[in-house]
Amino acid sequence: FSSPHHPYTRALAAAFPTIGDQASRLHPTGLAGDPPDPAHLPEGCAFHPRCAVAVDACRVAVPELRIAAPGRRAACVHVGSPL
């Protein structure tokens, strides 16, 4: 949880409010819009409609699992190198 590699996971973590910080509770950051309907996922990466770093490749193909760090993997074109 302390160092996510997938951009969408980083955005989810940024959306968590900070305990004791009223402003972060009332105005979370990190993600815009609503999550996709699991029964009607978009083409390509399921996270691209809400991902701030989505590129054309994200909209057309499901990303392959990539090496993000030793012992860590993420399915994102922006992460590490292909397996």
PDB file of N, CA and C in Angstrom:
ATOM      1  N   PHE A   1       0.809  -1.207   0.000  1.00  0.00           N
ATOM      2  CA  PHE A   1       0.000   0.000   0.000  1.00  0.00           C
ATOM      3  C   PHE A   1       0.851   1.270   0.000  1.00  0.00           C
ATOM      4  N   SER A   2       2.075   1.156   0.482  1.00  0.00           N
ATOM      5  CA  SER A   2       2.881   2.369   0.633  1.00  0.00           C
ATOM      6  C   SER A   2       3.527   2.843  -0.665  1.00  0.00           C
ATOM      7  N   SER A   3       3.687   1.979  -1.647  1.00  0.00           N
ATOM      8  CA  SER A   3       4.324   2.411  -2.900  1.00  0.00           C
ATOM      9  C   SER A   3       3.718   1.691  -4.103  1.00  0.00           C
ATOM     10  N   PRO A   4       2.458   2.013  -4.446  1.00  0.00           N
ATOM     11  CA  PRO A   4       1.831   1.344  -5.583  1.00  0.00           C
ATOM     12  C   PRO A   4       2.512   1.718  -6.892  1.00  0.00           C
ATOM     13  N   HIS A   5       2.577   0.768  -7.828  1.00  0.00           N
ATOM     14  CA  HIS A   5       3.209   1.000  -9.120  1.00  0.00           C
ATOM     15  C   HIS A   5       2.203   1.307 -10.213  1.00  0.00           C
ATOM     16  N   HIS A   6       1.011   0.754 -10.120  1.00  0.00           N
ATOM     17  CA  HIS A   6      -0.002   0.991 -11.143  1.00  0.00           C
ATOM     18  C   HIS A   6      -0.588   2.390 -10.943  1.00  0.00           C
ATOM     19  N   PRO A   7      -0.674   3.213 -12.017  1.00  0.00           N
ATOM     20  CA  PRO A   7      -1.193   4.580 -11.877  1.00  0.00           C
ATOM     21  C   PRO A   7      -2.589   4.645 -11.268  1.00  0.00           C
ATOM     22  N   TYR A   8      -3.452   3.702 -11.610  1.00  0.00           N
ATOM     23  CA  TYR A   8      -4.806   3.715 -11.071  1.00  0.00           C
ATOM     24  C   TYR A   8      -4.787   3.429  -9.569  1.00  0.00           C
ATOM     25  N   THR A   9      -3.911   2.537  -9.143  1.00  0.00           N
ATOM     26  CA  THR A   9      -3.788   2.235  -7.715  1.00  0.00           C
ATOM     27  C   THR A   9      -3.275   3.453  -6.962  1.00  0.00           C
ATOM     28  N   ARG A  10      -2.323   4.182  -7.555  1.00  0.00           N
ATOM     29  CA  ARG A  10      -1.848   5.429  -6.927  1.00  0.00           C
ATOM     30  C   ARG A  10      -2.993   6.419  -6.784  1.00  0.00           C
ATOM     31  N   ALA A  11      -3.851   6.511  -7.804  1.00  0.00           N
ATOM     32  CA  ALA A  11      -4.994   7.422  -7.741  1.00  0.00           C
ATOM     33  C   ALA A  11      -5.982   6.992  -6.673  1.00  0.00           C
ATOM     34  N   LEU A  12      -6.221   5.683  -6.543  1.00  0.00           N
ATOM     35  CA  LEU A  12      -7.103   5.191  -5.479  1.00  0.00           C
ATOM     36  C   LEU A  12      -6.550   5.558  -4.105  1.00  0.00           C
ATOM     37  N   ALA A  13      -5.248   5.373  -3.912  1.00  0.00           N
ATOM     38  CA  ALA A  13      -4.621   5.700  -2.630  1.00  0.00           C
ATOM     39  C   ALA A  13      -4.735   7.192  -2.339  1.00  0.00           C
ATOM     40  N   ALA A  14      -4.618   8.023  -3.358  1.00  0.00           N
ATOM     41  CA  ALA A  14      -4.736   9.470  -3.165  1.00  0.00           C
ATOM     42  C   ALA A  14      -6.159   9.876  -2.804  1.00  0.00           C
ATOM     43  N   ALA A  15      -7.121   9.028  -3.131  1.00  0.00           N
ATOM     44  CA  ALA A  15      -8.525   9.347  -2.834  1.00  0.00           C
ATOM     45  C   ALA A  15      -8.896   9.094  -1.378  1.00  0.00           C
ATOM     46  N   PHE A  16      -8.050   8.360  -0.644  1.00  0.00           N
ATOM     47  CA  PHE A  16      -8.347   8.092   0.766  1.00  0.00           C
ATOM     48  C   PHE A  16      -8.228   9.389   1.567  1.00  0.00           C
ATOM     49  N   PRO A  17      -9.198   9.706   2.405  1.00  0.00           N
ATOM     50  CA  PRO A  17      -9.075  10.907   3.227  1.00  0.00           C
ATOM     51  C   PRO A  17      -8.005  10.725   4.306  1.00  0.00           C
ATOM     52  N   THR A  18      -7.439  11.824   4.736  1.00  0.00           N
ATOM     53  CA  THR A  18      -6.457  11.804   5.814  1.00  0.00           C
ATOM     54  C   THR A  18      -7.192  11.969   7.137  1.00  0.00           C
ATOM     55  N   ILE A  19      -6.952  11.078   8.068  1.00  0.00           N
ATOM     56  CA  ILE A  19      -7.634  11.148   9.364  1.00  0.00           C
ATOM     57  C   ILE A  19      -7.309  12.481  10.029  1.00  0.00           C
ATOM     58  N   GLY A  20      -8.344  13.162  10.464  1.00  0.00           N
ATOM     59  CA  GLY A  20      -8.190  14.442  11.138  1.00  0.00           C
ATOM     60  C   GLY A  20      -8.165  15.644  10.201  1.00  0.00           C
ATOM     61  N   ASP A  21      -8.126  15.403   8.893  1.00  0.00           N
ATOM     62  CA  ASP A  21      -8.107  16.497   7.918  1.00  0.00           C
ATOM     63  C   ASP A  21      -9.491  16.610   7.288  1.00  0.00           C
ATOM     64  N   GLN A  22     -10.276  17.534   7.774  1.00  0.00           N
ATOM     65  CA  GLN A  22     -11.656  17.722   7.319  1.00  0.00           C
ATOM     66  C   GLN A  22     -11.713  18.008   5.813  1.00  0.00           C
ATOM     67  N   ALA A  23     -10.778  18.786   5.297  1.00  0.00           N
ATOM     68  CA  ALA A  23     -10.792  19.142   3.875  1.00  0.00           C
ATOM     69  C   ALA A  23     -10.616  17.908   2.996  1.00  0.00           C
ATOM     70  N   SER A  24      -9.735  16.990   3.382  1.00  0.00           N
ATOM     71  CA  SER A  24      -9.521  15.801   2.552  1.00  0.00           C
ATOM     72  C   SER A  24     -10.726  14.876   2.604  1.00  0.00           C
ATOM     73  N   ARG A  25     -11.459  14.911   3.703  1.00  0.00           N
ATOM     74  CA  ARG A  25     -12.664  14.086   3.802  1.00  0.00           C
ATOM     75  C   ARG A  25     -13.777  14.636   2.929  1.00  0.00           C
ATOM     76  N   LEU A  26     -13.912  15.953   2.879  1.00  0.00           N
ATOM     77  CA  LEU A  26     -14.991  16.573   2.115  1.00  0.00           C
ATOM     78  C   LEU A  26     -14.652  16.745   0.638  1.00  0.00           C
ATOM     79  N   HIS A  27     -13.362  16.801   0.310  1.00  0.00           N
ATOM     80  CA  HIS A  27     -12.937  17.017  -1.075  1.00  0.00           C
ATOM     81  C   HIS A  27     -11.801  16.066  -1.425  1.00  0.00           C
ATOM     82  N   PRO A  28     -12.098  14.763  -1.567  1.00  0.00           N
ATOM     83  CA  PRO A  28     -11.037  13.811  -1.892  1.00  0.00           C
ATOM     84  C   PRO A  28     -10.449  14.091  -3.273  1.00  0.00           C
ATOM     85  N   THR A  29      -9.204  13.695  -3.457  1.00  0.00           N
ATOM     86  CA  THR A  29      -8.545  13.848  -4.751  1.00  0.00           C
ATOM     87  C   THR A  29      -8.188  12.468  -5.278  1.00  0.00           C
ATOM     88  N   GLY A  30      -7.673  12.424  -6.471  1.00  0.00           N
ATOM     89  CA  GLY A  30      -7.158  11.165  -6.980  1.00  0.00           C
ATOM     90  C   GLY A  30      -7.933  10.566  -8.125  1.00  0.00           C
ATOM     91  N   LEU A  31      -9.255  10.553  -8.061  1.00  0.00           N
ATOM     92  CA  LEU A  31     -10.056   9.935  -9.114  1.00  0.00           C
ATOM     93  C   LEU A  31     -11.265  10.786  -9.457  1.00  0.00           C
ATOM     94  N   ALA A  32     -11.506  10.905 -10.741  1.00  0.00           N
ATOM     95  CA  ALA A  32     -12.710  11.608 -11.194  1.00  0.00           C
ATOM     96  C   ALA A  32     -13.710  10.576 -11.707  1.00  0.00           C
ATOM     97  N   GLY A  33     -14.960  10.930 -11.717  1.00  0.00           N
ATOM     98  CA  GLY A  33     -15.970  10.060 -12.298  1.00  0.00           C
ATOM     99  C   GLY A  33     -16.315   8.848 -11.458  1.00  0.00           C
ATOM    100  N   ASP A  34     -17.037   7.946 -12.080  1.00  0.00           N
ATOM    101  CA  ASP A  34     -17.512   6.738 -11.411  1.00  0.00           C
ATOM    102  C   ASP A  34     -16.792   5.507 -11.956  1.00  0.00           C
ATOM    103  N   PRO A  35     -16.678   4.463 -11.125  1.00  0.00           N
ATOM    104  CA  PRO A  35     -16.065   3.238 -11.633  1.00  0.00           C
ATOM    105  C   PRO A  35     -16.927   2.623 -12.730  1.00  0.00           C
ATOM    106  N   PRO A  36     -16.304   1.865 -13.643  1.00  0.00           N
ATOM    107  CA  PRO A  36     -17.100   1.255 -14.718  1.00  0.00           C
ATOM    108  C   PRO A  36     -18.002   0.149 -14.191  1.00  0.00           C
ATOM    109  N   ASP A  37     -19.072  -0.092 -14.919  1.00  0.00           N
ATOM    110  CA  ASP A  37     -19.981  -1.191 -14.610  1.00  0.00           C
ATOM    111  C   ASP A  37     -19.246  -2.488 -14.940  1.00  0.00           C
ATOM    112  N   PRO A  38     -19.051  -3.385 -13.964  1.00  0.00           N
ATOM    113  CA  PRO A  38     -18.320  -4.634 -14.236  1.00  0.00           C
ATOM    114  C   PRO A  38     -18.937  -5.468 -15.357  1.00  0.00           C
ATOM    115  N   ALA A  39     -20.233  -5.312 -15.591  1.00  0.00           N
ATOM    116  CA  ALA A  39     -20.891  -6.057 -16.662  1.00  0.00           C
ATOM    117  C   ALA A  39     -20.653  -5.423 -18.031  1.00  0.00           C
ATOM    118  N   HIS A  40     -20.162  -4.184 -18.056  1.00  0.00           N
ATOM    119  CA  HIS A  40     -19.940  -3.472 -19.320  1.00  0.00           C
ATOM    120  C   HIS A  40     -18.611  -2.721 -19.266  1.00  0.00           C
ATOM    121  N   LEU A  41     -17.538  -3.467 -19.106  1.00  0.00           N
ATOM    122  CA  LEU A  41     -16.216  -2.846 -19.033  1.00  0.00           C
ATOM    123  C   LEU A  41     -15.836  -2.261 -20.391  1.00  0.00           C
ATOM    124  N   PRO A  42     -15.100  -1.163 -20.389  1.00  0.00           N
ATOM    125  CA  PRO A  42     -14.683  -0.580 -21.659  1.00  0.00           C
ATOM    126  C   PRO A  42     -13.651  -1.452 -22.362  1.00  0.00           C
ATOM    127  N   GLU A  43     -13.485  -1.247 -23.648  1.00  0.00           N
ATOM    128  CA  GLU A  43     -12.447  -1.943 -24.404  1.00  0.00           C
ATOM    129  C   GLU A  43     -11.087  -1.485 -23.900  1.00  0.00           C
ATOM    130  N   GLY A  44     -10.101  -2.355 -23.994  1.00  0.00           N
ATOM    131  CA  GLY A  44      -8.755  -2.004 -23.533  1.00  0.00           C
ATOM    132  C   GLY A  44      -8.633  -2.158 -22.032  1.00  0.00           C
ATOM    133  N   CYS A  45      -7.820  -1.325 -21.435  1.00  0.00           N
ATOM    134  CA  CYS A  45      -7.639  -1.360 -19.982  1.00  0.00           C
ATOM    135  C   CYS A  45      -8.935  -0.892 -19.304  1.00  0.00           C
ATOM    136  N   ALA A  46      -9.420  -1.667 -18.371  1.00  0.00           N
ATOM    137  CA  ALA A  46     -10.684  -1.328 -17.700  1.00  0.00           C
ATOM    138  C   ALA A  46     -10.588  -0.032 -16.912  1.00  0.00           C
ATOM    139  N   PHE A  47      -9.377   0.418 -16.599  1.00  0.00           N
ATOM    140  CA  PHE A  47      -9.194   1.616 -15.785  1.00  0.00           C
ATOM    141  C   PHE A  47      -9.039   2.893 -16.608  1.00  0.00           C
ATOM    142  N   HIS A  48      -8.870   2.802 -17.924  1.00  0.00           N
ATOM    143  CA  HIS A  48      -8.521   3.985 -18.712  1.00  0.00           C
ATOM    144  C   HIS A  48      -9.504   5.151 -18.639  1.00  0.00           C
ATOM    145  N   PRO A  49     -10.826   4.939 -18.492  1.00  0.00           N
ATOM    146  CA  PRO A  49     -11.705   6.110 -18.435  1.00  0.00           C
ATOM    147  C   PRO A  49     -11.437   7.031 -17.235  1.00  0.00           C
ATOM    148  N   ARG A  50     -10.866   6.500 -16.166  1.00  0.00           N
ATOM    149  CA  ARG A  50     -10.626   7.303 -14.964  1.00  0.00           C
ATOM    150  C   ARG A  50      -9.145   7.529 -14.691  1.00  0.00           C
ATOM    151  N   CYS A  51      -8.289   7.068 -15.572  1.00  0.00           N
ATOM    152  CA  CYS A  51      -6.846   7.133 -15.355  1.00  0.00           C
ATOM    153  C   CYS A  51      -6.284   8.425 -15.954  1.00  0.00           C
ATOM    154  N   ALA A  52      -5.574   9.185 -15.149  1.00  0.00           N
ATOM    155  CA  ALA A  52      -5.018  10.467 -15.584  1.00  0.00           C
ATOM    156  C   ALA A  52      -3.882  10.314 -16.583  1.00  0.00           C
ATOM    157  N   VAL A  53      -3.267   9.143 -16.671  1.00  0.00           N
ATOM    158  CA  VAL A  53      -2.134   8.955 -17.582  1.00  0.00           C
ATOM    159  C   VAL A  53      -2.464   8.012 -18.741  1.00  0.00           C
ATOM    160  N   ALA A  54      -3.751   7.762 -18.984  1.00  0.00           N
ATOM    161  CA  ALA A  54      -4.151   6.878 -20.081  1.00  0.00           C
ATOM    162  C   ALA A  54      -3.706   7.453 -21.424  1.00  0.00           C
ATOM    163  N   VAL A  55      -3.241   6.565 -22.292  1.00  0.00           N
ATOM    164  CA  VAL A  55      -2.834   6.923 -23.653  1.00  0.00           C
ATOM    165  C   VAL A  55      -3.644   6.064 -24.618  1.00  0.00           C
ATOM    166  N   ASP A  56      -3.472   6.303 -25.917  1.00  0.00           N
ATOM    167  CA  ASP A  56      -4.253   5.562 -26.916  1.00  0.00           C
ATOM    168  C   ASP A  56      -4.153   4.050 -26.739  1.00  0.00           C
ATOM    169  N   ALA A  57      -2.965   3.546 -26.416  1.00  0.00           N
ATOM    170  CA  ALA A  57      -2.783   2.101 -26.234  1.00  0.00           C
ATOM    171  C   ALA A  57      -3.691   1.550 -25.139  1.00  0.00           C
ATOM    172  N   CYS A  58      -3.978   2.345 -24.136  1.00  0.00           N
ATOM    173  CA  CYS A  58      -4.827   1.907 -23.018  1.00  0.00           C
ATOM    174  C   CYS A  58      -6.273   1.701 -23.464  1.00  0.00           C
ATOM    175  N   ARG A  59      -6.675   2.414 -24.474  1.00  0.00           N
ATOM    176  CA  ARG A  59      -8.061   2.372 -24.932  1.00  0.00           C
ATOM    177  C   ARG A  59      -8.350   1.214 -25.889  1.00  0.00           C
ATOM    178  N   VAL A  60      -7.296   0.585 -26.424  1.00  0.00           N
ATOM    179  CA  VAL A  60      -7.526  -0.431 -27.452  1.00  0.00           C
ATOM    180  C   VAL A  60      -7.091  -1.848 -27.067  1.00  0.00           C
ATOM    181  N   ALA A  61      -6.182  -1.985 -26.115  1.00  0.00           N
ATOM    182  CA  ALA A  61      -5.692  -3.321 -25.765  1.00  0.00           C
ATOM    183  C   ALA A  61      -5.592  -3.483 -24.258  1.00  0.00           C
ATOM    184  N   VAL A  62      -5.941  -4.665 -23.789  1.00  0.00           N
ATOM    185  CA  VAL A  62      -5.768  -4.988 -22.370  1.00  0.00           C
ATOM    186  C   VAL A  62      -4.262  -5.106 -22.126  1.00  0.00           C
ATOM    187  N   PRO A  63      -3.716  -4.352 -21.177  1.00  0.00           N
ATOM    188  CA  PRO A  63      -2.265  -4.389 -20.962  1.00  0.00           C
ATOM    189  C   PRO A  63      -1.801  -5.726 -20.391  1.00  0.00           C
ATOM    190  N   GLU A  64      -0.595  -6.115 -20.814  1.00  0.00           N
ATOM    191  CA  GLU A  64       0.010  -7.342 -20.301  1.00  0.00           C
ATOM    192  C   GLU A  64       0.643  -7.069 -18.950  1.00  0.00           C
ATOM    193  N   LEU A  65       0.766  -8.118 -18.167  1.00  0.00           N
ATOM    194  CA  LEU A  65       1.431  -8.015 -16.872  1.00  0.00           C
ATOM    195  C   LEU A  65       2.904  -7.701 -17.107  1.00  0.00           C
ATOM    196  N   ARG A  66       3.426  -6.714 -16.387  1.00  0.00           N
ATOM    197  CA  ARG A  66       4.803  -6.259 -16.560  1.00  0.00           C
ATOM    198  C   ARG A  66       5.521  -6.261 -15.220  1.00  0.00           C
ATOM    199  N   ILE A  67       6.838  -6.342 -15.280  1.00  0.00           N
ATOM    200  CA  ILE A  67       7.643  -6.271 -14.056  1.00  0.00           C
ATOM    201  C   ILE A  67       7.720  -4.810 -13.632  1.00  0.00           C
ATOM    202  N   ALA A  68       7.229  -4.511 -12.432  1.00  0.00           N
ATOM    203  CA  ALA A  68       7.239  -3.149 -11.908  1.00  0.00           C
ATOM    204  C   ALA A  68       8.444  -2.916 -11.007  1.00  0.00           C
ATOM    205  N   ALA A  69       8.846  -3.932 -10.280  1.00  0.00           N
ATOM    206  CA  ALA A  69       9.980  -3.891  -9.349  1.00  0.00           C
ATOM    207  C   ALA A  69      10.246  -5.333  -8.947  1.00  0.00           C
ATOM    208  N   PRO A  70      11.367  -5.609  -8.306  1.00  0.00           N
ATOM    209  CA  PRO A  70      11.614  -6.991  -7.873  1.00  0.00           C
ATOM    210  C   PRO A  70      10.445  -7.532  -7.046  1.00  0.00           C
ATOM    211  N   GLY A  71       9.860  -8.615  -7.523  1.00  0.00           N
ATOM    212  CA  GLY A  71       8.738  -9.232  -6.823  1.00  0.00           C
ATOM    213  C   GLY A  71       7.413  -8.516  -6.985  1.00  0.00           C
ATOM    214  N   ARG A  72       7.358  -7.505  -7.858  1.00  0.00           N
ATOM    215  CA  ARG A  72       6.116  -6.729  -8.051  1.00  0.00           C
ATOM    216  C   ARG A  72       5.758  -6.703  -9.522  1.00  0.00           C
ATOM    217  N   ARG A  73       4.467  -6.835  -9.823  1.00  0.00           N
ATOM    218  CA  ARG A  73       3.977  -6.840 -11.191  1.00  0.00           C
ATOM    219  C   ARG A  73       2.776  -5.904 -11.292  1.00  0.00           C
ATOM    220  N   ALA A  74       2.559  -5.361 -12.478  1.00  0.00           N
ATOM    221  CA  ALA A  74       1.388  -4.519 -12.726  1.00  0.00           C
ATOM    222  C   ALA A  74       1.038  -4.614 -14.201  1.00  0.00           C
ATOM    223  N   ALA A  75      -0.232  -4.590 -14.514  1.00  0.00           N
ATOM    224  CA  ALA A  75      -0.694  -4.642 -15.896  1.00  0.00           C
ATOM    225  C   ALA A  75      -0.973  -3.208 -16.364  1.00  0.00           C
ATOM    226  N   CYS A  76       0.091  -2.546 -16.836  1.00  0.00           N
ATOM    227  CA  CYS A  76      -0.026  -1.151 -17.277  1.00  0.00           C
ATOM    228  C   CYS A  76       1.106  -0.840 -18.241  1.00  0.00           C
ATOM    229  N   VAL A  77       0.797  -0.129 -19.325  1.00  0.00           N
ATOM    230  CA  VAL A  77       1.808   0.212 -20.314  1.00  0.00           C
ATOM    231  C   VAL A  77       2.853   1.172 -19.744  1.00  0.00           C
ATOM    232  N   HIS A  78       2.553   1.839 -18.663  1.00  0.00           N
ATOM    233  CA  HIS A  78       3.469   2.811 -18.057  1.00  0.00           C
ATOM    234  C   HIS A  78       4.416   2.195 -17.028  1.00  0.00           C
ATOM    235  N   VAL A  79       4.290   0.909 -16.786  1.00  0.00           N
ATOM    236  CA  VAL A  79       5.042   0.260 -15.717  1.00  0.00           C
ATOM    237  C   VAL A  79       6.131  -0.642 -16.268  1.00  0.00           C
ATOM    238  N   GLY A  80       7.330  -0.481 -15.768  1.00  0.00           N
ATOM    239  CA  GLY A  80       8.448  -1.390 -15.996  1.00  0.00           C
ATOM    240  C   GLY A  80       8.628  -1.933 -17.381  1.00  0.00           C
ATOM    241  N   SER A  81       8.977  -3.206 -17.447  1.00  0.00           N
ATOM    242  CA  SER A  81       9.235  -3.861 -18.722  1.00  0.00           C
ATOM    243  C   SER A  81       8.386  -5.121 -18.842  1.00  0.00           C
ATOM    244  N   PRO A  82       8.107  -5.533 -20.093  1.00  0.00           N
ATOM    245  CA  PRO A  82       7.289  -6.745 -20.289  1.00  0.00           C
ATOM    246  C   PRO A  82       7.939  -7.969 -19.657  1.00  0.00           C
ATOM    247  N   LEU A  83       7.115  -8.922 -19.247  1.00  0.00           N
ATOM    248  CA  LEU A  83       7.612 -10.189 -18.699  1.00  0.00           C
ATOM    249  C   LEU A  83       8.246 -11.025 -19.788  1.00  0.00           C
TER     250      LEU A  83
END
